[in-house]
Amino acid sequence: MAEENDVEDYQVKKKPSFDEETKRALRKRKRLKRAKPKFSRQEWFRYKKLDEDTWRKPKGIHSKARKNLKYRSPKVSVGYRSPSKVRGLHPSGFEEVLVHNVDEVKDVDPEKQAIRIAHGVGMRKRIDIEQKAEELEIRVLNPS
């Protein structure tokens, strides 16, 4: 019985409106991201102090990673970049706008932009921002 109430309360999230070319570019970016390898720092496995997650450009004169030898992990390059039309967009397709107060919500275009409430905003002001966004039918990317 609790599951039925959850289904009734669910609201579909607002989707951005854009042309077919942008939709195609978003799908392409998603596909490319799946195929993109995890870039790790050269010889991260040798030293405990080096993180695997970080990336630093290999610079040594004899560096095998710099020479891009096959047995080394892949190097960051331009070819892994996402299509320029959708670069920097949220995975949902919206352009993110950072909001600190209620007045900044009014300047947002609900068709192409979504708001992200800033980290330093307190709970009272956060609730006010979310109410104003709901009123203007603007999507909040990090609701409380």
N, C-alpha and C. Protein backbone atom coordinates (compact mmCIF):
# COMPACT_ATOMS: atom_id res chain seq x y z
N MET A 1 0.81 -1.19 0.00
CA MET A 1 0.00 0.00 0.00
C MET A 1 0.87 1.27 0.00
N ALA A 2 2.00 1.22 0.67
CA ALA A 2 2.91 2.36 0.69
C ALA A 2 3.50 2.61 -0.69
N GLU A 3 3.69 1.55 -1.47
CA GLU A 3 4.25 1.69 -2.81
C GLU A 3 3.29 2.45 -3.72
N GLU A 4 1.99 2.23 -3.57
CA GLU A 4 1.01 2.92 -4.40
C GLU A 4 1.05 4.42 -4.15
N ASN A 5 1.21 4.83 -2.90
CA ASN A 5 1.30 6.26 -2.57
C ASN A 5 2.55 6.88 -3.18
N ASP A 6 3.66 6.13 -3.19
CA ASP A 6 4.90 6.64 -3.77
C ASP A 6 4.74 6.89 -5.26
N VAL A 7 4.04 6.01 -5.94
CA VAL A 7 3.81 6.15 -7.37
C VAL A 7 2.95 7.37 -7.65
N GLU A 8 1.95 7.60 -6.85
CA GLU A 8 1.07 8.74 -7.04
C GLU A 8 1.77 10.07 -6.77
N ASP A 9 2.67 10.11 -5.80
CA ASP A 9 3.37 11.34 -5.43
C ASP A 9 4.47 11.72 -6.42
N TYR A 10 4.93 10.79 -7.22
CA TYR A 10 6.05 11.04 -8.12
C TYR A 10 5.68 12.03 -9.21
N GLN A 11 6.55 13.01 -9.41
CA GLN A 11 6.36 13.98 -10.49
C GLN A 11 7.51 13.83 -11.47
N VAL A 12 7.20 13.87 -12.75
CA VAL A 12 8.23 13.76 -13.78
C VAL A 12 9.08 15.03 -13.75
N LYS A 13 10.41 14.87 -13.79
CA LYS A 13 11.30 16.02 -13.76
C LYS A 13 11.21 16.78 -15.08
N LYS A 14 11.36 18.10 -14.98
CA LYS A 14 11.28 18.96 -16.15
C LYS A 14 12.46 18.67 -17.08
N LYS A 15 12.17 18.57 -18.37
CA LYS A 15 13.19 18.30 -19.39
C LYS A 15 13.46 19.58 -20.18
N PRO A 16 14.69 19.74 -20.64
CA PRO A 16 15.01 20.93 -21.45
C PRO A 16 14.44 20.80 -22.86
N SER A 17 14.22 21.92 -23.51
CA SER A 17 13.77 21.87 -24.90
C SER A 17 14.90 22.35 -25.79
N PHE A 18 15.32 21.47 -26.70
CA PHE A 18 16.35 21.85 -27.66
C PHE A 18 16.16 21.11 -28.97
N ASP A 19 16.93 21.51 -29.98
CA ASP A 19 16.77 20.96 -31.32
C ASP A 19 17.35 19.55 -31.44
N GLU A 20 17.10 18.93 -32.58
CA GLU A 20 17.54 17.54 -32.82
C GLU A 20 19.06 17.42 -32.80
N GLU A 21 19.76 18.44 -33.28
CA GLU A 21 21.22 18.39 -33.33
C GLU A 21 21.81 18.29 -31.92
N THR A 22 21.25 19.04 -30.99
CA THR A 22 21.72 19.01 -29.61
C THR A 22 21.39 17.67 -28.96
N LYS A 23 20.20 17.12 -29.25
CA LYS A 23 19.84 15.80 -28.72
C LYS A 23 20.82 14.75 -29.19
N ARG A 24 21.16 14.81 -30.49
CA ARG A 24 22.11 13.86 -31.07
C ARG A 24 23.48 13.99 -30.40
N ALA A 25 23.90 15.25 -30.16
CA ALA A 25 25.20 15.49 -29.54
C ALA A 25 25.23 14.97 -28.10
N LEU A 26 24.11 15.12 -27.37
CA LEU A 26 24.03 14.59 -26.00
C LEU A 26 24.14 13.07 -25.97
N ARG A 27 23.45 12.42 -26.93
CA ARG A 27 23.54 10.96 -27.01
C ARG A 27 24.96 10.51 -27.36
N LYS A 28 25.59 11.27 -28.25
CA LYS A 28 26.97 10.94 -28.65
C LYS A 28 27.91 11.11 -27.46
N ARG A 29 27.74 12.18 -26.69
CA ARG A 29 28.58 12.42 -25.52
C ARG A 29 28.44 11.28 -24.52
N LYS A 30 27.20 10.82 -24.31
CA LYS A 30 26.96 9.72 -23.38
C LYS A 30 27.67 8.45 -23.84
N ARG A 31 27.58 8.18 -25.15
CA ARG A 31 28.24 7.00 -25.71
C ARG A 31 29.77 7.11 -25.59
N LEU A 32 30.31 8.29 -25.88
CA LEU A 32 31.76 8.50 -25.80
C LEU A 32 32.27 8.37 -24.37
N LYS A 33 31.50 8.88 -23.41
CA LYS A 33 31.91 8.82 -22.01
C LYS A 33 32.03 7.38 -21.52
N ARG A 34 31.12 6.50 -22.01
CA ARG A 34 31.18 5.09 -21.62
C ARG A 34 32.47 4.44 -22.13
N ALA A 35 32.91 4.85 -23.31
CA ALA A 35 34.09 4.24 -23.93
C ALA A 35 35.40 4.85 -23.44
N LYS A 36 35.31 6.03 -22.81
CA LYS A 36 36.52 6.73 -22.38
C LYS A 36 37.22 5.98 -21.25
N PRO A 37 38.53 5.77 -21.36
CA PRO A 37 39.24 5.07 -20.28
C PRO A 37 39.42 5.95 -19.05
N LYS A 38 39.82 5.32 -17.97
CA LYS A 38 40.10 6.05 -16.74
C LYS A 38 41.57 6.47 -16.81
N PHE A 39 41.83 7.76 -16.83
CA PHE A 39 43.20 8.24 -16.95
C PHE A 39 43.86 8.26 -15.58
N SER A 40 44.99 7.60 -15.47
CA SER A 40 45.70 7.57 -14.19
C SER A 40 47.12 8.08 -14.36
N ARG A 41 47.69 8.54 -13.29
CA ARG A 41 49.02 9.11 -13.29
C ARG A 41 50.06 8.03 -13.59
N GLN A 42 51.13 8.42 -14.28
CA GLN A 42 52.14 7.42 -14.63
C GLN A 42 52.81 6.85 -13.38
N GLU A 43 52.96 5.53 -13.37
CA GLU A 43 53.58 4.78 -12.28
C GLU A 43 52.92 5.01 -10.93
N TRP A 44 51.62 5.21 -10.92
CA TRP A 44 50.87 5.38 -9.68
C TRP A 44 50.95 4.13 -8.83
N PHE A 45 51.16 2.99 -9.46
CA PHE A 45 51.19 1.71 -8.74
C PHE A 45 52.50 1.50 -7.98
N ARG A 46 53.52 2.28 -8.29
CA ARG A 46 54.82 2.10 -7.64
C ARG A 46 54.91 2.79 -6.28
N TYR A 47 54.20 3.89 -6.14
CA TYR A 47 54.34 4.71 -4.93
C TYR A 47 53.00 4.89 -4.24
N LYS A 48 53.01 4.68 -2.93
CA LYS A 48 51.78 4.78 -2.15
C LYS A 48 51.22 6.21 -2.14
N LYS A 49 52.11 7.19 -2.19
CA LYS A 49 51.68 8.59 -2.10
C LYS A 49 50.97 9.10 -3.36
N LEU A 50 51.09 8.40 -4.47
CA LEU A 50 50.44 8.83 -5.71
C LEU A 50 49.04 8.23 -5.81
N ASP A 51 48.08 9.07 -6.16
CA ASP A 51 46.71 8.59 -6.34
C ASP A 51 46.51 8.08 -7.75
N GLU A 52 45.72 7.03 -7.89
CA GLU A 52 45.38 6.52 -9.21
C GLU A 52 44.39 7.46 -9.89
N ASP A 53 43.57 8.13 -9.09
CA ASP A 53 42.50 8.95 -9.63
C ASP A 53 42.98 10.26 -10.26
N THR A 54 44.14 10.76 -9.84
CA THR A 54 44.61 12.05 -10.35
C THR A 54 45.31 11.87 -11.68
N TRP A 55 45.37 12.94 -12.45
CA TRP A 55 46.07 12.92 -13.72
C TRP A 55 47.12 14.01 -13.73
N ARG A 56 48.35 13.66 -14.08
CA ARG A 56 49.42 14.62 -14.31
C ARG A 56 50.05 14.27 -15.64
N LYS A 57 50.38 15.26 -16.40
CA LYS A 57 50.99 15.03 -17.70
C LYS A 57 52.39 14.44 -17.51
N PRO A 58 52.71 13.33 -18.18
CA PRO A 58 54.06 12.75 -18.05
C PRO A 58 55.08 13.64 -18.76
N LYS A 59 56.17 13.99 -18.05
CA LYS A 59 57.11 14.97 -18.59
C LYS A 59 58.56 14.50 -18.71
N GLY A 60 58.87 13.31 -18.20
CA GLY A 60 60.27 12.88 -18.22
C GLY A 60 60.82 12.63 -19.62
N ILE A 61 62.11 12.83 -19.80
CA ILE A 61 62.74 12.67 -21.12
C ILE A 61 62.71 11.22 -21.59
N HIS A 62 62.77 10.27 -20.63
CA HIS A 62 62.73 8.85 -20.98
C HIS A 62 61.37 8.22 -20.70
N SER A 63 60.39 9.01 -20.40
CA SER A 63 59.09 8.52 -19.97
C SER A 63 58.38 7.69 -21.04
N LYS A 64 58.02 6.48 -20.67
CA LYS A 64 57.31 5.59 -21.61
C LYS A 64 55.87 6.07 -21.78
N ALA A 65 55.29 6.63 -20.71
CA ALA A 65 53.92 7.13 -20.79
C ALA A 65 53.85 8.34 -21.73
N ARG A 66 54.86 9.21 -21.69
CA ARG A 66 54.89 10.38 -22.58
C ARG A 66 55.00 9.94 -24.04
N LYS A 67 55.76 8.88 -24.27
CA LYS A 67 55.93 8.36 -25.63
C LYS A 67 54.72 7.58 -26.11
N ASN A 68 53.77 7.36 -25.22
CA ASN A 68 52.51 6.69 -25.54
C ASN A 68 52.72 5.25 -25.99
N LEU A 69 53.60 4.53 -25.32
CA LEU A 69 53.84 3.13 -25.66
C LEU A 69 52.60 2.31 -25.31
N LYS A 70 52.38 1.24 -26.07
CA LYS A 70 51.14 0.46 -25.97
C LYS A 70 50.86 -0.10 -24.59
N TYR A 71 51.88 -0.56 -23.90
CA TYR A 71 51.65 -1.22 -22.62
C TYR A 71 51.40 -0.25 -21.47
N ARG A 72 51.49 1.03 -21.72
CA ARG A 72 51.20 2.03 -20.69
C ARG A 72 49.73 2.46 -20.78
N SER A 73 49.22 3.04 -19.69
CA SER A 73 47.83 3.48 -19.71
C SER A 73 47.66 4.64 -20.68
N PRO A 74 46.46 4.81 -21.23
CA PRO A 74 46.23 5.85 -22.23
C PRO A 74 46.45 7.26 -21.67
N LYS A 75 46.83 8.15 -22.57
CA LYS A 75 47.14 9.52 -22.20
C LYS A 75 45.98 10.43 -22.60
N VAL A 76 45.73 11.45 -21.81
CA VAL A 76 44.68 12.42 -22.11
C VAL A 76 45.01 13.11 -23.43
N SER A 77 44.02 13.18 -24.33
CA SER A 77 44.24 13.88 -25.59
C SER A 77 42.92 14.48 -26.09
N VAL A 78 43.03 15.33 -27.09
CA VAL A 78 41.88 16.06 -27.63
C VAL A 78 40.81 15.12 -28.15
N GLY A 79 41.18 13.96 -28.65
CA GLY A 79 40.23 13.03 -29.24
C GLY A 79 39.17 12.52 -28.27
N TYR A 80 39.40 12.63 -26.97
CA TYR A 80 38.43 12.16 -25.98
C TYR A 80 37.39 13.23 -25.64
N ARG A 81 37.51 14.41 -26.23
CA ARG A 81 36.62 15.52 -25.89
C ARG A 81 35.19 15.28 -26.36
N SER A 82 34.23 15.88 -25.67
CA SER A 82 32.82 15.73 -26.06
C SER A 82 32.47 16.77 -27.13
N PRO A 83 31.38 16.60 -27.85
CA PRO A 83 30.99 17.56 -28.88
C PRO A 83 30.85 18.97 -28.31
N SER A 84 31.33 19.96 -29.06
CA SER A 84 31.38 21.34 -28.55
C SER A 84 29.99 21.90 -28.24
N LYS A 85 28.97 21.43 -28.92
CA LYS A 85 27.61 21.94 -28.72
C LYS A 85 27.10 21.63 -27.31
N VAL A 86 27.50 20.49 -26.73
CA VAL A 86 26.99 20.09 -25.43
C VAL A 86 28.06 20.10 -24.34
N ARG A 87 29.21 20.65 -24.65
CA ARG A 87 30.29 20.67 -23.67
C ARG A 87 29.93 21.58 -22.49
N GLY A 88 30.04 21.07 -21.29
CA GLY A 88 29.75 21.86 -20.10
C GLY A 88 28.30 21.78 -19.64
N LEU A 89 27.45 21.07 -20.39
CA LEU A 89 26.06 20.94 -19.97
C LEU A 89 25.91 19.83 -18.94
N HIS A 90 24.88 19.94 -18.12
CA HIS A 90 24.55 18.89 -17.16
C HIS A 90 24.10 17.65 -17.94
N PRO A 91 24.28 16.44 -17.41
CA PRO A 91 23.85 15.24 -18.12
C PRO A 91 22.37 15.26 -18.54
N SER A 92 21.53 16.02 -17.84
CA SER A 92 20.13 16.12 -18.22
C SER A 92 19.94 16.98 -19.46
N GLY A 93 20.95 17.76 -19.82
CA GLY A 93 20.86 18.63 -21.00
C GLY A 93 20.70 20.10 -20.65
N PHE A 94 20.47 20.39 -19.37
CA PHE A 94 20.32 21.78 -18.94
C PHE A 94 21.69 22.45 -18.76
N GLU A 95 21.70 23.76 -18.93
CA GLU A 95 22.86 24.57 -18.59
C GLU A 95 22.73 24.91 -17.11
N GLU A 96 23.78 24.68 -16.33
CA GLU A 96 23.71 24.91 -14.89
C GLU A 96 23.92 26.39 -14.56
N VAL A 97 23.10 26.91 -13.64
CA VAL A 97 23.25 28.28 -13.16
C VAL A 97 23.35 28.21 -11.64
N LEU A 98 24.42 28.75 -11.08
CA LEU A 98 24.62 28.74 -9.64
C LEU A 98 23.83 29.89 -9.02
N VAL A 99 23.02 29.56 -8.01
CA VAL A 99 22.13 30.55 -7.39
C VAL A 99 22.46 30.69 -5.91
N HIS A 100 22.57 31.95 -5.45
CA HIS A 100 22.86 32.22 -4.04
C HIS A 100 21.67 32.79 -3.28
N ASN A 101 20.72 33.40 -4.02
CA ASN A 101 19.55 33.97 -3.35
C ASN A 101 18.33 33.93 -4.26
N VAL A 102 17.18 34.32 -3.72
CA VAL A 102 15.91 34.22 -4.44
C VAL A 102 15.88 35.12 -5.67
N ASP A 103 16.52 36.29 -5.61
CA ASP A 103 16.51 37.23 -6.73
C ASP A 103 17.19 36.65 -7.97
N GLU A 104 18.19 35.82 -7.78
CA GLU A 104 18.92 35.25 -8.93
C GLU A 104 18.08 34.21 -9.66
N VAL A 105 17.05 33.67 -9.03
CA VAL A 105 16.20 32.66 -9.67
C VAL A 105 15.40 33.28 -10.80
N LYS A 106 15.04 34.55 -10.67
CA LYS A 106 14.20 35.23 -11.66
C LYS A 106 14.88 35.36 -13.02
N ASP A 107 16.22 35.41 -13.05
CA ASP A 107 16.97 35.62 -14.29
C ASP A 107 17.17 34.33 -15.10
N VAL A 108 16.70 33.20 -14.59
CA VAL A 108 16.95 31.90 -15.22
C VAL A 108 15.89 31.61 -16.29
N ASP A 109 16.36 31.09 -17.44
CA ASP A 109 15.46 30.67 -18.52
C ASP A 109 15.06 29.22 -18.28
N PRO A 110 13.79 28.93 -17.94
CA PRO A 110 13.40 27.57 -17.57
C PRO A 110 13.46 26.56 -18.72
N GLU A 111 13.52 27.04 -19.96
CA GLU A 111 13.57 26.13 -21.11
C GLU A 111 14.95 25.51 -21.30
N LYS A 112 16.01 26.27 -20.99
CA LYS A 112 17.36 25.79 -21.26
C LYS A 112 18.26 25.71 -20.03
N GLN A 113 17.86 26.36 -18.94
CA GLN A 113 18.72 26.42 -17.76
C GLN A 113 18.05 25.78 -16.55
N ALA A 114 18.89 25.23 -15.68
CA ALA A 114 18.44 24.69 -14.40
C ALA A 114 19.31 25.29 -13.32
N ILE A 115 18.80 25.37 -12.10
CA ILE A 115 19.59 26.00 -11.05
C ILE A 115 20.24 24.97 -10.13
N ARG A 116 21.42 25.34 -9.66
CA ARG A 116 22.10 24.58 -8.62
C ARG A 116 22.29 25.56 -7.47
N ILE A 117 21.76 25.21 -6.31
CA ILE A 117 21.84 26.09 -5.15
C ILE A 117 23.25 26.00 -4.57
N ALA A 118 23.84 27.17 -4.31
CA ALA A 118 25.22 27.23 -3.84
C ALA A 118 25.40 26.52 -2.50
N HIS A 119 26.60 26.08 -2.26
CA HIS A 119 26.95 25.28 -1.08
C HIS A 119 26.72 26.04 0.23
N GLY A 120 27.01 27.34 0.23
CA GLY A 120 26.94 28.11 1.47
C GLY A 120 25.56 28.58 1.85
N VAL A 121 24.54 28.29 1.04
CA VAL A 121 23.18 28.75 1.32
C VAL A 121 22.58 27.90 2.44
N GLY A 122 21.98 28.58 3.44
CA GLY A 122 21.39 27.89 4.58
C GLY A 122 20.03 27.29 4.23
N MET A 123 19.48 26.53 5.16
CA MET A 123 18.25 25.78 4.90
C MET A 123 17.05 26.70 4.67
N ARG A 124 16.92 27.78 5.43
CA ARG A 124 15.77 28.67 5.28
C ARG A 124 15.73 29.30 3.88
N LYS A 125 16.87 29.84 3.47
CA LYS A 125 16.94 30.48 2.16
C LYS A 125 16.83 29.43 1.04
N ARG A 126 17.35 28.24 1.28
CA ARG A 126 17.28 27.15 0.32
C ARG A 126 15.81 26.78 0.03
N ILE A 127 15.00 26.71 1.08
CA ILE A 127 13.58 26.40 0.93
C ILE A 127 12.87 27.50 0.14
N ASP A 128 13.23 28.76 0.41
CA ASP A 128 12.64 29.88 -0.33
C ASP A 128 12.99 29.80 -1.81
N ILE A 129 14.26 29.48 -2.10
CA ILE A 129 14.71 29.36 -3.49
C ILE A 129 13.97 28.24 -4.20
N GLU A 130 13.81 27.09 -3.52
CA GLU A 130 13.12 25.95 -4.11
C GLU A 130 11.65 26.26 -4.39
N GLN A 131 11.01 27.00 -3.49
CA GLN A 131 9.61 27.39 -3.69
C GLN A 131 9.47 28.32 -4.89
N LYS A 132 10.38 29.29 -5.00
CA LYS A 132 10.35 30.23 -6.12
C LYS A 132 10.60 29.49 -7.44
N ALA A 133 11.52 28.51 -7.41
CA ALA A 133 11.82 27.73 -8.62
C ALA A 133 10.62 26.89 -9.04
N GLU A 134 9.92 26.33 -8.08
CA GLU A 134 8.72 25.53 -8.37
C GLU A 134 7.62 26.43 -8.96
N GLU A 135 7.54 27.63 -8.43
CA GLU A 135 6.56 28.61 -8.91
C GLU A 135 6.81 28.98 -10.37
N LEU A 136 8.10 29.16 -10.72
CA LEU A 136 8.49 29.54 -12.08
C LEU A 136 8.75 28.33 -12.98
N GLU A 137 8.51 27.12 -12.45
CA GLU A 137 8.74 25.86 -13.16
C GLU A 137 10.17 25.72 -13.65
N ILE A 138 11.11 25.94 -12.73
CA ILE A 138 12.54 25.81 -13.01
C ILE A 138 13.04 24.57 -12.27
N ARG A 139 13.86 23.78 -12.93
CA ARG A 139 14.37 22.55 -12.31
C ARG A 139 15.54 22.88 -11.38
N VAL A 140 15.51 22.27 -10.19
CA VAL A 140 16.59 22.42 -9.20
C VAL A 140 17.41 21.13 -9.26
N LEU A 141 18.70 21.27 -9.52
CA LEU A 141 19.55 20.09 -9.69
C LEU A 141 19.98 19.45 -8.36
N ASN A 142 19.98 20.24 -7.29
CA ASN A 142 20.32 19.70 -5.98
C ASN A 142 19.29 20.08 -4.92
N PRO A 143 18.08 19.52 -5.01
CA PRO A 143 17.05 19.88 -4.03
C PRO A 143 17.38 19.29 -2.66
N SER A 144 16.82 19.91 -1.61
CA SER A 144 17.10 19.42 -0.26
C SER A 144 16.20 18.26 0.08
